[in-house]
Amino acid sequence: MFEIGYTLSSEEFGPRDLVRFAQRAEETGFSFALVSDHFHPWIDAQGESPFVWSVIGGVAQATEGLRLGTGVTCPLIRIHPGLVAQADSSWASGPVRT
């Protein structure tokens, strides 16, 4: 069996839009969503780059059963591993979905 997920592009949209898009994705039948984890937009025209773990927390609160994750998280180069661990454990204490 295969599943189709939804990509939340954090380079192109702010956190409120991403939460709204995730709600809509769940309503239309997507089983999971991945949020891109980029420190900076690829190009100036995109203009957004919210902290991925905050977006995941917002999406987790606004959805019922949508499984969530990051597209890529780099805990060695861009962000300290301790911050990634803290962020993951912070939102995981809420509505964990595996």
Protein backbone atom coordinates (compact mmCIF):
# COMPACT_ATOMS: atom_id res chain seq x y z
CA MET A 1 0.00 0.00 0.00
CA PHE A 2 1.23 3.49 -0.69
CA GLU A 3 0.50 6.81 0.92
CA ILE A 4 0.49 10.26 -0.54
CA GLY A 5 1.84 13.07 1.58
CA TYR A 6 1.73 16.82 1.37
CA THR A 7 4.75 19.13 1.30
CA LEU A 8 4.55 22.36 3.26
CA SER A 9 7.02 24.75 1.64
CA SER A 10 8.31 27.00 4.39
CA GLU A 11 10.36 29.04 1.94
CA GLU A 12 7.25 30.25 0.16
CA PHE A 13 4.68 30.67 2.94
CA GLY A 14 4.53 31.93 6.49
CA PRO A 15 3.60 29.76 9.48
CA ARG A 16 -0.11 30.65 9.59
CA ASP A 17 -0.51 29.75 5.93
CA LEU A 18 1.36 26.47 6.45
CA VAL A 19 -0.93 25.51 9.32
CA ARG A 20 -3.99 26.31 7.21
CA PHE A 21 -2.61 24.30 4.28
CA ALA A 22 -1.95 21.33 6.57
CA GLN A 23 -5.52 21.45 7.86
CA ARG A 24 -6.80 21.43 4.29
CA ALA A 25 -4.44 18.60 3.34
CA GLU A 26 -5.81 16.49 6.18
CA GLU A 27 -9.39 17.32 5.22
CA THR A 28 -8.77 16.17 1.65
CA GLY A 29 -7.25 12.84 2.70
CA PHE A 30 -3.48 13.25 2.91
CA SER A 31 -2.08 10.99 5.64
CA PHE A 32 1.15 12.89 6.34
CA ALA A 33 2.86 16.20 5.75
CA LEU A 34 6.52 17.17 5.62
CA VAL A 35 7.69 20.70 6.33
CA SER A 36 10.82 21.90 4.58
CA ASP A 37 13.54 22.89 7.05
CA HIS A 38 15.57 25.65 5.49
CA PHE A 39 17.38 28.34 7.43
CA HIS A 40 16.98 30.78 4.57
CA PRO A 41 14.80 30.90 1.44
CA TRP A 42 16.43 29.68 -1.76
CA ILE A 43 15.77 32.96 -3.55
CA ASP A 44 14.72 36.45 -2.42
CA ALA A 45 11.34 36.14 -4.16
CA GLN A 46 10.32 33.37 -1.74
CA GLY A 47 10.86 35.53 1.34
CA GLU A 48 9.86 33.13 4.13
CA SER A 49 11.70 30.76 6.44
CA PRO A 50 9.84 30.05 9.71
CA PHE A 51 11.38 27.79 12.34
CA VAL A 52 10.25 24.33 11.27
CA TRP A 53 9.68 22.98 14.78
CA SER A 54 7.33 25.83 15.63
CA VAL A 55 5.37 25.14 12.46
CA ILE A 56 5.14 21.45 13.37
CA GLY A 57 3.76 22.40 16.79
CA GLY A 58 1.16 24.64 15.21
CA VAL A 59 0.14 21.98 12.70
CA ALA A 60 -0.05 19.33 15.43
CA GLN A 61 -2.46 21.50 17.40
CA ALA A 62 -4.61 22.30 14.39
CA THR A 63 -4.98 18.80 12.94
CA GLU A 64 -6.42 15.53 14.22
CA GLY A 65 -4.35 12.69 12.80
CA LEU A 66 -1.98 14.10 10.19
CA ARG A 67 1.48 12.59 10.69
CA LEU A 68 4.23 15.22 10.60
CA GLY A 69 7.92 15.49 9.95
CA THR A 70 10.63 17.63 8.48
CA GLY A 71 11.87 17.29 4.94
CA VAL A 72 15.44 17.49 6.21
CA THR A 73 16.88 18.55 9.55
CA CYS A 74 20.62 19.02 9.84
CA PRO A 75 21.59 18.88 13.54
CA LEU A 76 25.31 19.15 12.86
CA ILE A 77 25.89 22.09 10.55
CA ARG A 78 23.01 24.58 10.69
CA ILE A 79 21.54 23.96 14.10
CA HIS A 80 22.96 22.59 17.33
CA PRO A 81 21.91 18.99 18.07
CA GLY A 82 20.69 20.03 21.51
CA LEU A 83 18.21 22.48 19.97
CA VAL A 84 16.86 19.81 17.64
CA ALA A 85 16.47 17.41 20.58
CA GLN A 86 14.71 20.05 22.66
CA ALA A 87 12.40 21.03 19.81
CA ASP A 88 11.52 17.41 19.05
CA SER A 89 10.83 16.52 22.66
CA SER A 90 8.79 19.71 23.19
CA TRP A 91 6.26 19.05 20.47
CA ALA A 92 6.39 15.29 21.01
CA SER A 93 4.96 15.72 24.49
CA GLY A 94 1.75 16.83 22.81
CA PRO A 95 -0.22 15.05 20.13
CA VAL A 96 2.35 12.51 18.91
CA ARG A 97 1.34 10.69 15.76
CA THR A 98 3.38 7.81 14.42
